[in-house]
Amino acid sequence: MYQPPHFREDARDAQHALIRTHPLGLLITAGPAGLLANPIPFLLDDVGSYGTLRAHLARANPQGQELAAVEECLIVFQGPQGYVSPGWYASKREHGRVVPTWNYATVHAWGRPRLIEDAAWLGRQIADLTALRETPRADPWAVADAPAPFVTAQVRALVGVEIPISRIEGKWKMSQNRPEADRIGVVAGFRADGEEALAALVSERSGS
């Protein structure tokens, strides 16, 4: 990933927080069938130097065979993102030498995948992923709410994947390269557009 120094984010806590907040990662392999990519929800465990990702995919998904054949895969997690209008910059009024851009936060993680067929592992995986998303709800649904034979049949149609992260990169492109007056304008612009998460990130990252 192209990493200008002012956008680079190496703090593991920040990287992991983005993954946990935006767990739908784009799983990318370059195997015998060529490049394949699928959006897959991931869980992140604090195991290993950089953490371990785990997920499941349909057994019918051809990317499962690719995962068994490759030495490494890439998972891209996309955080808040949005268009930055040149009209938000104080510089536009001063000299006009401004262009549009895009602000975003992203984490890229690499690792060697391991396929898992174990039914108990898969049962824990779907229960953990479900609990993570359902627990905050007023009336949370649990895997145990479904008939056991139905759940067993569903699990048979899945394959698990565990990916110890061997390399991880974070990039928070949040107008850090702009003058202070421009950054203030970007924060105001995002707030006017209802993009509070982006406004907060620009403010946090640039002191605006």
N, C-alpha and C. Protein backbone atom coordinates (compact mmCIF):
# COMPACT_ATOMS: atom_id res chain seq x y z
N MET A 1 0.85 -1.19 0.00
CA MET A 1 0.00 0.00 0.00
C MET A 1 0.89 1.24 0.00
N TYR A 2 0.53 2.21 -0.83
CA TYR A 2 1.26 3.48 -0.87
C TYR A 2 1.10 4.18 0.47
N GLN A 3 2.24 4.51 1.09
CA GLN A 3 2.21 4.98 2.47
C GLN A 3 3.04 6.25 2.67
N PRO A 4 2.53 7.44 2.28
CA PRO A 4 3.21 8.67 2.68
C PRO A 4 3.30 8.71 4.21
N PRO A 5 4.42 9.15 4.76
CA PRO A 5 4.62 9.08 6.22
C PRO A 5 3.52 9.73 7.04
N HIS A 6 2.94 10.87 6.57
CA HIS A 6 1.94 11.55 7.40
C HIS A 6 0.61 10.81 7.47
N PHE A 7 0.40 9.81 6.59
CA PHE A 7 -0.85 9.04 6.63
C PHE A 7 -0.68 7.68 7.30
N ARG A 8 0.53 7.28 7.55
CA ARG A 8 0.80 5.93 8.05
C ARG A 8 0.32 5.77 9.49
N GLU A 9 -0.30 4.62 9.77
CA GLU A 9 -0.76 4.32 11.13
C GLU A 9 -0.22 2.95 11.55
N ASP A 10 0.76 2.97 12.43
CA ASP A 10 1.40 1.74 12.88
C ASP A 10 0.91 1.27 14.25
N ALA A 11 0.08 2.06 14.92
CA ALA A 11 -0.38 1.68 16.26
C ALA A 11 -1.30 0.46 16.16
N ARG A 12 -0.90 -0.62 16.81
CA ARG A 12 -1.67 -1.86 16.73
C ARG A 12 -3.08 -1.68 17.28
N ASP A 13 -3.24 -0.91 18.34
CA ASP A 13 -4.58 -0.71 18.91
C ASP A 13 -5.51 -0.06 17.90
N ALA A 14 -5.00 0.94 17.17
CA ALA A 14 -5.82 1.63 16.18
C ALA A 14 -6.17 0.69 15.02
N GLN A 15 -5.19 -0.09 14.56
CA GLN A 15 -5.43 -1.04 13.48
C GLN A 15 -6.48 -2.07 13.88
N HIS A 16 -6.32 -2.64 15.07
CA HIS A 16 -7.26 -3.66 15.53
C HIS A 16 -8.65 -3.08 15.77
N ALA A 17 -8.71 -1.84 16.26
CA ALA A 17 -10.01 -1.22 16.50
C ALA A 17 -10.77 -1.04 15.18
N LEU A 18 -10.07 -0.66 14.12
CA LEU A 18 -10.75 -0.52 12.83
C LEU A 18 -11.28 -1.86 12.34
N ILE A 19 -10.47 -2.92 12.48
CA ILE A 19 -10.93 -4.25 12.05
C ILE A 19 -12.17 -4.67 12.81
N ARG A 20 -12.18 -4.43 14.11
CA ARG A 20 -13.32 -4.86 14.93
C ARG A 20 -14.56 -4.00 14.67
N THR A 21 -14.36 -2.75 14.32
CA THR A 21 -15.49 -1.87 14.04
C THR A 21 -16.04 -2.09 12.64
N HIS A 22 -15.16 -2.47 11.72
CA HIS A 22 -15.55 -2.69 10.31
C HIS A 22 -15.07 -4.10 9.91
N PRO A 23 -15.73 -5.15 10.41
CA PRO A 23 -15.20 -6.51 10.27
C PRO A 23 -15.40 -7.16 8.92
N LEU A 24 -16.15 -6.52 8.02
CA LEU A 24 -16.34 -7.11 6.69
C LEU A 24 -15.10 -6.83 5.85
N GLY A 25 -14.21 -7.80 5.79
CA GLY A 25 -12.96 -7.62 5.06
C GLY A 25 -13.05 -8.18 3.65
N LEU A 26 -12.29 -7.61 2.74
CA LEU A 26 -12.20 -8.13 1.38
C LEU A 26 -11.05 -9.13 1.36
N LEU A 27 -11.39 -10.42 1.24
CA LEU A 27 -10.41 -11.50 1.23
C LEU A 27 -9.91 -11.69 -0.19
N ILE A 28 -8.59 -11.55 -0.38
CA ILE A 28 -8.00 -11.57 -1.72
C ILE A 28 -6.96 -12.68 -1.80
N THR A 29 -7.08 -13.50 -2.84
CA THR A 29 -6.08 -14.55 -3.10
C THR A 29 -5.61 -14.45 -4.54
N ALA A 30 -4.37 -14.86 -4.76
CA ALA A 30 -3.81 -14.97 -6.11
C ALA A 30 -3.28 -16.39 -6.23
N GLY A 31 -4.16 -17.31 -6.61
CA GLY A 31 -3.82 -18.72 -6.68
C GLY A 31 -3.95 -19.29 -8.07
N PRO A 32 -4.13 -20.60 -8.19
CA PRO A 32 -4.22 -21.25 -9.50
C PRO A 32 -5.31 -20.68 -10.40
N ALA A 33 -6.40 -20.20 -9.80
CA ALA A 33 -7.51 -19.65 -10.61
C ALA A 33 -7.33 -18.17 -10.90
N GLY A 34 -6.20 -17.59 -10.48
CA GLY A 34 -5.98 -16.17 -10.68
C GLY A 34 -6.43 -15.38 -9.46
N LEU A 35 -6.67 -14.10 -9.67
CA LEU A 35 -7.10 -13.24 -8.57
C LEU A 35 -8.57 -13.48 -8.23
N LEU A 36 -8.83 -13.69 -6.93
CA LEU A 36 -10.20 -13.82 -6.44
C LEU A 36 -10.37 -12.91 -5.23
N ALA A 37 -11.56 -12.35 -5.08
CA ALA A 37 -11.84 -11.50 -3.93
C ALA A 37 -13.28 -11.70 -3.50
N ASN A 38 -13.47 -11.84 -2.18
CA ASN A 38 -14.80 -11.98 -1.61
C ASN A 38 -14.91 -11.19 -0.32
N PRO A 39 -16.02 -10.46 -0.11
CA PRO A 39 -16.23 -9.81 1.19
C PRO A 39 -16.67 -10.86 2.22
N ILE A 40 -15.93 -10.95 3.32
CA ILE A 40 -16.17 -11.96 4.35
C ILE A 40 -16.11 -11.28 5.72
N PRO A 41 -17.06 -11.55 6.63
CA PRO A 41 -16.95 -11.01 7.99
C PRO A 41 -15.91 -11.79 8.80
N PHE A 42 -15.05 -11.07 9.49
CA PHE A 42 -13.95 -11.67 10.25
C PHE A 42 -14.08 -11.37 11.73
N LEU A 43 -13.55 -12.27 12.53
CA LEU A 43 -13.29 -12.03 13.94
C LEU A 43 -11.79 -11.90 14.13
N LEU A 44 -11.38 -11.10 15.09
CA LEU A 44 -9.96 -10.89 15.36
C LEU A 44 -9.66 -11.33 16.79
N ASP A 45 -8.76 -12.29 16.92
CA ASP A 45 -8.31 -12.77 18.23
C ASP A 45 -6.94 -12.19 18.54
N ASP A 46 -6.69 -11.89 19.81
CA ASP A 46 -5.39 -11.37 20.23
C ASP A 46 -4.42 -12.53 20.44
N VAL A 47 -4.12 -13.22 19.36
CA VAL A 47 -3.21 -14.36 19.38
C VAL A 47 -2.11 -14.12 18.36
N GLY A 48 -0.86 -14.30 18.76
CA GLY A 48 0.26 -14.06 17.85
C GLY A 48 0.74 -12.63 17.91
N SER A 49 1.80 -12.35 17.16
CA SER A 49 2.43 -11.03 17.20
C SER A 49 1.50 -9.92 16.73
N TYR A 50 0.69 -10.19 15.71
CA TYR A 50 -0.16 -9.16 15.13
C TYR A 50 -1.65 -9.48 15.23
N GLY A 51 -1.99 -10.59 15.88
CA GLY A 51 -3.37 -11.02 15.95
C GLY A 51 -3.66 -12.13 14.96
N THR A 52 -4.80 -12.78 15.13
CA THR A 52 -5.21 -13.87 14.25
C THR A 52 -6.64 -13.63 13.80
N LEU A 53 -6.86 -13.70 12.50
CA LEU A 53 -8.18 -13.54 11.92
C LEU A 53 -8.84 -14.90 11.73
N ARG A 54 -10.14 -14.97 11.99
CA ARG A 54 -10.86 -16.20 11.69
C ARG A 54 -12.20 -15.87 11.05
N ALA A 55 -12.62 -16.77 10.17
CA ALA A 55 -13.84 -16.54 9.40
C ALA A 55 -14.35 -17.88 8.90
N HIS A 56 -15.47 -17.82 8.20
CA HIS A 56 -15.98 -19.02 7.53
C HIS A 56 -16.55 -18.59 6.19
N LEU A 57 -16.56 -19.52 5.25
CA LEU A 57 -17.15 -19.25 3.96
C LEU A 57 -17.88 -20.48 3.47
N ALA A 58 -18.73 -20.30 2.50
CA ALA A 58 -19.49 -21.42 1.96
C ALA A 58 -18.55 -22.44 1.35
N ARG A 59 -18.82 -23.72 1.62
CA ARG A 59 -17.99 -24.77 1.03
C ARG A 59 -18.02 -24.71 -0.49
N ALA A 60 -19.11 -24.21 -1.06
CA ALA A 60 -19.22 -24.11 -2.51
C ALA A 60 -18.40 -22.96 -3.09
N ASN A 61 -17.91 -22.07 -2.24
CA ASN A 61 -17.14 -20.92 -2.71
C ASN A 61 -15.78 -21.39 -3.23
N PRO A 62 -15.46 -21.15 -4.49
CA PRO A 62 -14.18 -21.63 -5.04
C PRO A 62 -12.96 -21.02 -4.37
N GLN A 63 -13.14 -19.93 -3.63
CA GLN A 63 -11.97 -19.34 -2.97
C GLN A 63 -11.44 -20.25 -1.86
N GLY A 64 -12.27 -21.17 -1.37
CA GLY A 64 -11.77 -22.13 -0.39
C GLY A 64 -10.64 -22.97 -0.94
N GLN A 65 -10.79 -23.42 -2.18
CA GLN A 65 -9.71 -24.20 -2.82
C GLN A 65 -8.47 -23.35 -3.04
N GLU A 66 -8.68 -22.09 -3.34
CA GLU A 66 -7.55 -21.18 -3.53
C GLU A 66 -6.80 -20.98 -2.22
N LEU A 67 -7.55 -20.84 -1.12
CA LEU A 67 -6.91 -20.65 0.19
C LEU A 67 -6.04 -21.85 0.55
N ALA A 68 -6.46 -23.04 0.14
CA ALA A 68 -5.67 -24.24 0.42
C ALA A 68 -4.39 -24.30 -0.40
N ALA A 69 -4.34 -23.53 -1.50
CA ALA A 69 -3.21 -23.62 -2.42
C ALA A 69 -2.20 -22.50 -2.28
N VAL A 70 -2.56 -21.43 -1.59
CA VAL A 70 -1.67 -20.26 -1.55
C VAL A 70 -0.85 -20.22 -0.26
N GLU A 71 0.29 -19.56 -0.33
CA GLU A 71 1.14 -19.36 0.83
C GLU A 71 0.72 -18.13 1.64
N GLU A 72 0.00 -17.22 0.97
CA GLU A 72 -0.36 -15.96 1.62
C GLU A 72 -1.63 -15.41 0.99
N CYS A 73 -2.43 -14.75 1.82
CA CYS A 73 -3.59 -14.02 1.31
C CYS A 73 -3.58 -12.62 1.91
N LEU A 74 -4.40 -11.76 1.36
CA LEU A 74 -4.52 -10.38 1.82
C LEU A 74 -5.97 -10.10 2.18
N ILE A 75 -6.17 -9.43 3.31
CA ILE A 75 -7.51 -9.01 3.71
C ILE A 75 -7.48 -7.49 3.87
N VAL A 76 -8.40 -6.81 3.21
CA VAL A 76 -8.50 -5.35 3.25
C VAL A 76 -9.74 -4.96 4.04
N PHE A 77 -9.53 -4.18 5.10
CA PHE A 77 -10.62 -3.67 5.93
C PHE A 77 -10.75 -2.17 5.67
N GLN A 78 -11.95 -1.76 5.30
CA GLN A 78 -12.19 -0.36 4.95
C GLN A 78 -12.97 0.33 6.05
N GLY A 79 -12.42 1.41 6.59
CA GLY A 79 -13.10 2.19 7.61
C GLY A 79 -13.86 3.35 6.99
N PRO A 80 -14.10 4.41 7.75
CA PRO A 80 -14.82 5.57 7.22
C PRO A 80 -14.12 6.15 6.00
N GLN A 81 -14.90 6.60 5.02
CA GLN A 81 -14.33 7.17 3.80
C GLN A 81 -15.30 8.17 3.22
N GLY A 82 -14.75 9.16 2.51
CA GLY A 82 -15.63 10.14 1.90
C GLY A 82 -14.89 11.14 1.03
N TYR A 83 -15.62 11.71 0.12
CA TYR A 83 -15.11 12.70 -0.83
C TYR A 83 -14.83 14.03 -0.13
N VAL A 84 -13.72 14.65 -0.51
CA VAL A 84 -13.34 15.97 0.03
C VAL A 84 -13.46 17.00 -1.09
N SER A 85 -14.35 17.95 -0.93
CA SER A 85 -14.56 18.99 -1.94
C SER A 85 -13.50 20.09 -1.81
N PRO A 86 -12.94 20.55 -2.93
CA PRO A 86 -12.01 21.69 -2.87
C PRO A 86 -12.67 22.94 -2.32
N GLY A 87 -14.01 23.01 -2.42
CA GLY A 87 -14.72 24.16 -1.92
C GLY A 87 -14.65 24.31 -0.41
N TRP A 88 -14.23 23.26 0.28
CA TRP A 88 -14.10 23.34 1.73
C TRP A 88 -12.81 24.01 2.18
N TYR A 89 -11.85 24.14 1.27
CA TYR A 89 -10.52 24.63 1.63
C TYR A 89 -10.48 26.16 1.67
N ALA A 90 -9.85 26.70 2.69
CA ALA A 90 -9.56 28.13 2.70
C ALA A 90 -8.63 28.49 1.55
N SER A 91 -7.79 27.53 1.15
CA SER A 91 -6.84 27.76 0.05
C SER A 91 -7.54 28.09 -1.26
N LYS A 92 -8.75 27.57 -1.45
CA LYS A 92 -9.48 27.86 -2.68
C LYS A 92 -9.73 29.36 -2.80
N ARG A 93 -10.06 30.00 -1.69
CA ARG A 93 -10.34 31.43 -1.72
C ARG A 93 -9.06 32.25 -1.81
N GLU A 94 -7.95 31.69 -1.38
CA GLU A 94 -6.67 32.41 -1.39
C GLU A 94 -6.01 32.39 -2.77
N HIS A 95 -5.91 31.19 -3.37
CA HIS A 95 -5.18 31.09 -4.65
C HIS A 95 -5.83 30.15 -5.65
N GLY A 96 -6.78 29.32 -5.25
CA GLY A 96 -7.51 28.47 -6.18
C GLY A 96 -6.78 27.22 -6.63
N ARG A 97 -5.53 27.04 -6.19
CA ARG A 97 -4.76 25.87 -6.64
C ARG A 97 -5.08 24.67 -5.75
N VAL A 98 -6.29 24.14 -5.92
CA VAL A 98 -6.76 23.01 -5.11
C VAL A 98 -7.50 22.02 -6.00
N VAL A 99 -7.53 20.79 -5.59
CA VAL A 99 -8.22 19.73 -6.34
C VAL A 99 -8.99 18.85 -5.36
N PRO A 100 -9.99 18.11 -5.87
CA PRO A 100 -10.71 17.17 -4.98
C PRO A 100 -9.80 16.03 -4.54
N THR A 101 -10.18 15.39 -3.46
CA THR A 101 -9.48 14.19 -3.00
C THR A 101 -10.46 13.32 -2.24
N TRP A 102 -9.95 12.27 -1.63
CA TRP A 102 -10.78 11.34 -0.88
C TRP A 102 -10.08 11.05 0.44
N ASN A 103 -10.80 11.13 1.52
CA ASN A 103 -10.26 10.75 2.83
C ASN A 103 -10.76 9.35 3.20
N TYR A 104 -9.92 8.59 3.87
CA TYR A 104 -10.31 7.21 4.23
C TYR A 104 -9.36 6.67 5.29
N ALA A 105 -9.85 5.63 5.96
CA ALA A 105 -9.01 4.85 6.87
C ALA A 105 -9.11 3.40 6.44
N THR A 106 -7.98 2.71 6.38
CA THR A 106 -7.98 1.32 5.92
C THR A 106 -6.87 0.55 6.61
N VAL A 107 -7.09 -0.75 6.74
CA VAL A 107 -6.07 -1.66 7.27
C VAL A 107 -5.93 -2.82 6.31
N HIS A 108 -4.69 -3.14 5.98
CA HIS A 108 -4.38 -4.30 5.14
C HIS A 108 -3.64 -5.32 6.00
N ALA A 109 -4.09 -6.57 5.96
CA ALA A 109 -3.46 -7.63 6.76
C ALA A 109 -3.13 -8.81 5.85
N TRP A 110 -1.92 -9.34 6.03
CA TRP A 110 -1.45 -10.49 5.26
C TRP A 110 -1.22 -11.67 6.19
N GLY A 111 -1.37 -12.87 5.66
CA GLY A 111 -1.07 -14.05 6.46
C GLY A 111 -1.28 -15.32 5.65
N ARG A 112 -0.79 -16.41 6.21
CA ARG A 112 -0.95 -17.72 5.56
C ARG A 112 -2.23 -18.38 6.07
N PRO A 113 -3.18 -18.65 5.18
CA PRO A 113 -4.46 -19.20 5.63
C PRO A 113 -4.38 -20.69 5.95
N ARG A 114 -5.20 -21.09 6.91
CA ARG A 114 -5.33 -22.50 7.25
C ARG A 114 -6.82 -22.85 7.23
N LEU A 115 -7.20 -23.80 6.36
CA LEU A 115 -8.60 -24.21 6.29
C LEU A 115 -8.93 -25.15 7.44
N ILE A 116 -10.14 -25.03 7.96
CA ILE A 116 -10.57 -25.82 9.11
C ILE A 116 -11.91 -26.48 8.79
N GLU A 117 -11.93 -27.81 8.95
CA GLU A 117 -13.15 -28.59 8.68
C GLU A 117 -13.87 -28.99 9.97
N ASP A 118 -13.25 -28.78 11.10
CA ASP A 118 -13.76 -29.25 12.38
C ASP A 118 -15.12 -28.61 12.72
N ALA A 119 -16.12 -29.45 12.96
CA ALA A 119 -17.48 -28.94 13.21
C ALA A 119 -17.55 -28.14 14.51
N ALA A 120 -16.79 -28.54 15.52
CA ALA A 120 -16.80 -27.79 16.78
C ALA A 120 -16.21 -26.40 16.60
N TRP A 121 -15.13 -26.30 15.83
CA TRP A 121 -14.51 -25.00 15.55
C TRP A 121 -15.50 -24.11 14.80
N LEU A 122 -16.16 -24.69 13.80
CA LEU A 122 -17.12 -23.92 13.01
C LEU A 122 -18.31 -23.49 13.86
N GLY A 123 -18.75 -24.38 14.76
CA GLY A 123 -19.84 -24.01 15.65
C GLY A 123 -19.49 -22.84 16.54
N ARG A 124 -18.27 -22.85 17.07
CA ARG A 124 -17.82 -21.73 17.90
C ARG A 124 -17.70 -20.46 17.07
N GLN A 125 -17.21 -20.61 15.83
CA GLN A 125 -17.04 -19.45 14.96
C GLN A 125 -18.36 -18.74 14.70
N ILE A 126 -19.38 -19.48 14.31
CA ILE A 126 -20.65 -18.83 13.99
C ILE A 126 -21.33 -18.31 15.26
N ALA A 127 -21.13 -19.02 16.38
CA ALA A 127 -21.71 -18.53 17.64
C ALA A 127 -21.04 -17.24 18.08
N ASP A 128 -19.70 -17.18 17.97
CA ASP A 128 -18.98 -15.97 18.36
C ASP A 128 -19.33 -14.78 17.48
N LEU A 129 -19.40 -15.02 16.18
CA LEU A 129 -19.70 -13.93 15.25
C LEU A 129 -21.13 -13.43 15.47
N THR A 130 -22.05 -14.36 15.69
CA THR A 130 -23.44 -13.98 15.94
C THR A 130 -23.56 -13.19 17.24
N ALA A 131 -22.91 -13.68 18.30
CA ALA A 131 -23.00 -13.01 19.60
C ALA A 131 -22.44 -11.59 19.52
N LEU A 132 -21.36 -11.42 18.76
CA LEU A 132 -20.74 -10.11 18.64
C LEU A 132 -21.71 -9.08 18.08
N ARG A 133 -22.50 -9.48 17.11
CA ARG A 133 -23.41 -8.54 16.46
C ARG A 133 -24.79 -8.48 17.15
N GLU A 134 -25.19 -9.56 17.81
CA GLU A 134 -26.53 -9.63 18.39
C GLU A 134 -26.60 -9.13 19.84
N THR A 135 -25.50 -9.27 20.59
CA THR A 135 -25.54 -8.94 22.02
C THR A 135 -26.04 -7.53 22.29
N PRO A 136 -25.66 -6.51 21.50
CA PRO A 136 -26.16 -5.15 21.82
C PRO A 136 -27.65 -4.96 21.57
N ARG A 137 -28.31 -5.91 20.90
CA ARG A 137 -29.72 -5.73 20.56
C ARG A 137 -30.63 -5.95 21.78
N ALA A 138 -31.78 -5.33 21.75
CA ALA A 138 -32.72 -5.47 22.85
C ALA A 138 -33.22 -6.91 22.99
N ASP A 139 -33.40 -7.58 21.86
CA ASP A 139 -33.86 -8.97 21.88
C ASP A 139 -32.92 -9.79 21.00
N PRO A 140 -31.73 -10.11 21.50
CA PRO A 140 -30.72 -10.75 20.66
C PRO A 140 -31.09 -12.17 20.24
N TRP A 141 -30.76 -12.49 19.00
CA TRP A 141 -30.94 -13.84 18.48
C TRP A 141 -29.67 -14.62 18.73
N ALA A 142 -29.80 -15.90 19.04
CA ALA A 142 -28.65 -16.78 19.26
C ALA A 142 -28.75 -17.98 18.34
N VAL A 143 -27.62 -18.56 18.01
CA VAL A 143 -27.61 -19.75 17.14
C VAL A 143 -28.49 -20.84 17.74
N ALA A 144 -28.47 -20.96 19.06
CA ALA A 144 -29.27 -21.99 19.72
C ALA A 144 -30.77 -21.79 19.54
N ASP A 145 -31.20 -20.62 19.07
CA ASP A 145 -32.62 -20.38 18.82
C ASP A 145 -33.12 -21.16 17.61
N ALA A 146 -32.21 -21.55 16.73
CA ALA A 146 -32.59 -22.32 15.54
C ALA A 146 -32.57 -23.81 15.88
N PRO A 147 -33.37 -24.63 15.18
CA PRO A 147 -33.38 -26.08 15.45
C PRO A 147 -31.99 -26.68 15.24
N ALA A 148 -31.58 -27.55 16.16
CA ALA A 148 -30.24 -28.13 16.11
C ALA A 148 -29.95 -28.86 14.78
N PRO A 149 -30.89 -29.67 14.25
CA PRO A 149 -30.60 -30.33 12.96
C PRO A 149 -30.35 -29.33 11.82
N PHE A 150 -31.09 -28.23 11.86
CA PHE A 150 -30.91 -27.19 10.84
C PHE A 150 -29.52 -26.57 10.95
N VAL A 151 -29.09 -26.24 12.18
CA VAL A 151 -27.76 -25.66 12.39
C VAL A 151 -26.68 -26.64 11.94
N THR A 152 -26.83 -27.91 12.28
CA THR A 152 -25.85 -28.92 11.88
C THR A 152 -25.72 -28.98 10.36
N ALA A 153 -26.84 -28.93 9.66
CA ALA A 153 -26.81 -28.95 8.20
C ALA A 153 -26.13 -27.71 7.64
N GLN A 154 -26.39 -26.57 8.26
CA GLN A 154 -25.75 -25.33 7.81
C GLN A 154 -24.24 -25.39 8.00
N VAL A 155 -23.81 -25.91 9.14
CA VAL A 155 -22.38 -26.00 9.43
C VAL A 155 -21.68 -26.91 8.43
N ARG A 156 -22.34 -27.99 8.01
CA ARG A 156 -21.74 -28.90 7.03
C ARG A 156 -21.46 -28.19 5.70
N ALA A 157 -22.19 -27.12 5.45
CA ALA A 157 -22.03 -26.40 4.18
C ALA A 157 -20.96 -25.31 4.27
N LEU A 158 -20.22 -25.27 5.40
CA LEU A 158 -19.22 -24.23 5.61
C LEU A 158 -17.82 -24.82 5.72
N VAL A 159 -16.84 -23.97 5.49
CA VAL A 159 -15.45 -24.30 5.80
C VAL A 159 -14.87 -23.10 6.54
N GLY A 160 -14.06 -23.38 7.55
CA GLY A 160 -13.46 -22.32 8.34
C GLY A 160 -12.10 -21.93 7.80
N VAL A 161 -11.66 -20.75 8.16
CA VAL A 161 -10.32 -20.30 7.80
C VAL A 161 -9.75 -19.49 8.96
N GLU A 162 -8.52 -19.80 9.29
CA GLU A 162 -7.80 -19.09 10.34
C GLU A 162 -6.53 -18.51 9.72
N ILE A 163 -6.28 -17.23 9.98
CA ILE A 163 -5.15 -16.54 9.34
C ILE A 163 -4.34 -15.79 10.40
N PRO A 164 -3.25 -16.38 10.90
CA PRO A 164 -2.36 -15.61 11.77
C PRO A 164 -1.75 -14.46 10.96
N ILE A 165 -1.90 -13.25 11.41
CA ILE A 165 -1.40 -12.09 10.66
C ILE A 165 0.12 -12.03 10.74
N SER A 166 0.76 -12.03 9.58
CA SER A 166 2.22 -11.95 9.53
C SER A 166 2.71 -10.54 9.21
N ARG A 167 1.82 -9.73 8.65
CA ARG A 167 2.17 -8.34 8.32
C ARG A 167 0.88 -7.53 8.32
N ILE A 168 0.95 -6.31 8.82
CA ILE A 168 -0.25 -5.47 8.88
C ILE A 168 0.15 -4.01 8.66
N GLU A 169 -0.68 -3.30 7.89
CA GLU A 169 -0.42 -1.88 7.62
C GLU A 169 -1.72 -1.10 7.80
N GLY A 170 -1.60 0.08 8.36
CA GLY A 170 -2.75 0.96 8.50
C GLY A 170 -2.48 2.30 7.82
N LYS A 171 -3.52 2.86 7.26
CA LYS A 171 -3.40 4.18 6.61
C LYS A 171 -4.65 5.00 6.93
N TRP A 172 -4.42 6.14 7.58
CA TRP A 172 -5.50 7.07 7.91
C TRP A 172 -5.23 8.35 7.11
N LYS A 173 -5.83 8.47 5.93
CA LYS A 173 -5.65 9.67 5.10
C LYS A 173 -6.74 10.65 5.48
N MET A 174 -6.40 11.59 6.34
CA MET A 174 -7.38 12.48 6.94
C MET A 174 -6.94 13.94 6.86
N SER A 175 -6.46 14.35 5.69
CA SER A 175 -6.10 15.75 5.43
C SER A 175 -4.91 16.24 6.25
N GLN A 176 -4.09 15.30 6.76
CA GLN A 176 -2.94 15.72 7.57
C GLN A 176 -1.94 16.55 6.77
N ASN A 177 -1.97 16.44 5.44
CA ASN A 177 -1.02 17.17 4.60
C ASN A 177 -1.51 18.57 4.20
N ARG A 178 -2.69 18.98 4.69
CA ARG A 178 -3.24 20.28 4.33
C ARG A 178 -2.93 21.31 5.41
N PRO A 179 -2.89 22.60 5.05
CA PRO A 179 -2.74 23.66 6.07
C PRO A 179 -3.88 23.61 7.08
N GLU A 180 -3.63 24.17 8.24
CA GLU A 180 -4.63 24.11 9.32
C GLU A 180 -5.98 24.68 8.89
N ALA A 181 -5.97 25.79 8.19
CA ALA A 181 -7.24 26.41 7.77
C ALA A 181 -8.02 25.48 6.85
N ASP A 182 -7.32 24.74 6.00
CA ASP A 182 -7.99 23.79 5.11
C ASP A 182 -8.57 22.63 5.92
N ARG A 183 -7.83 22.16 6.91
CA ARG A 183 -8.32 21.05 7.74
C ARG A 183 -9.59 21.45 8.50
N ILE A 184 -9.60 22.67 8.99
CA ILE A 184 -10.80 23.17 9.67
C ILE A 184 -11.99 23.17 8.71
N GLY A 185 -11.73 23.56 7.46
CA GLY A 185 -12.79 23.56 6.45
C GLY A 185 -13.28 22.16 6.13
N VAL A 186 -12.37 21.17 6.13
CA VAL A 186 -12.76 19.78 5.85
C VAL A 186 -13.64 19.24 6.98
N VAL A 187 -13.27 19.55 8.22
CA VAL A 187 -14.09 19.12 9.36
C VAL A 187 -15.50 19.71 9.24
N ALA A 188 -15.57 21.00 8.93
CA ALA A 188 -16.88 21.65 8.78
C ALA A 188 -17.67 21.06 7.62
N GLY A 189 -16.97 20.76 6.52
CA GLY A 189 -17.63 20.20 5.35
C GLY A 189 -18.22 18.83 5.63
N PHE A 190 -17.44 17.97 6.29
CA PHE A 190 -17.96 16.64 6.62
C PHE A 190 -19.16 16.74 7.57
N ARG A 191 -19.07 17.65 8.54
CA ARG A 191 -20.19 17.80 9.48
C ARG A 191 -21.44 18.28 8.75
N ALA A 192 -21.28 19.19 7.81
CA ALA A 192 -22.43 19.68 7.05
C ALA A 192 -23.06 18.57 6.21
N ASP A 193 -22.23 17.61 5.78
CA ASP A 193 -22.72 16.48 4.99
C ASP A 193 -23.24 15.34 5.87
N GLY A 194 -23.19 15.52 7.19
CA GLY A 194 -23.65 14.47 8.10
C GLY A 194 -22.65 13.36 8.31
N GLU A 195 -21.39 13.58 7.91
CA GLU A 195 -20.34 12.57 8.05
C GLU A 195 -19.58 12.82 9.36
N GLU A 196 -20.23 12.58 10.47
CA GLU A 196 -19.65 12.90 11.77
C GLU A 196 -18.41 12.07 12.07
N ALA A 197 -18.41 10.79 11.66
CA ALA A 197 -17.26 9.92 11.94
C ALA A 197 -16.01 10.45 11.23
N LEU A 198 -16.18 10.88 9.99
CA LEU A 198 -15.05 11.43 9.24
C LEU A 198 -14.61 12.77 9.82
N ALA A 199 -15.56 13.61 10.19
CA ALA A 199 -15.21 14.90 10.78
C ALA A 199 -14.40 14.68 12.05
N ALA A 200 -14.82 13.72 12.86
CA ALA A 200 -14.09 13.45 14.12
C ALA A 200 -12.68 12.93 13.84
N LEU A 201 -12.54 12.08 12.83
CA LEU A 201 -11.22 11.54 12.51
C LEU A 201 -10.27 12.62 11.99
N VAL A 202 -10.79 13.50 11.11
CA VAL A 202 -9.95 14.58 10.59
C VAL A 202 -9.52 15.47 11.74
N SER A 203 -10.46 15.79 12.63
CA SER A 203 -10.14 16.64 13.77
C SER A 203 -9.11 15.97 14.68
N GLU A 204 -9.31 14.70 14.94
CA GLU A 204 -8.39 13.95 15.81
C GLU A 204 -6.99 13.85 15.21
N ARG A 205 -6.94 13.58 13.91
CA ARG A 205 -5.65 13.33 13.27
C ARG A 205 -4.89 14.60 12.95
N SER A 206 -5.58 15.71 12.83
CA SER A 206 -4.88 16.92 12.42
C SER A 206 -4.93 18.03 13.47
N GLY A 207 -5.62 17.79 14.56
CA GLY A 207 -5.68 18.79 15.62
C GLY A 207 -6.61 19.94 15.29
N SER A 208 -7.52 19.75 14.32
CA SER A 208 -8.43 20.84 13.91
C SER A 208 -9.70 20.80 14.73
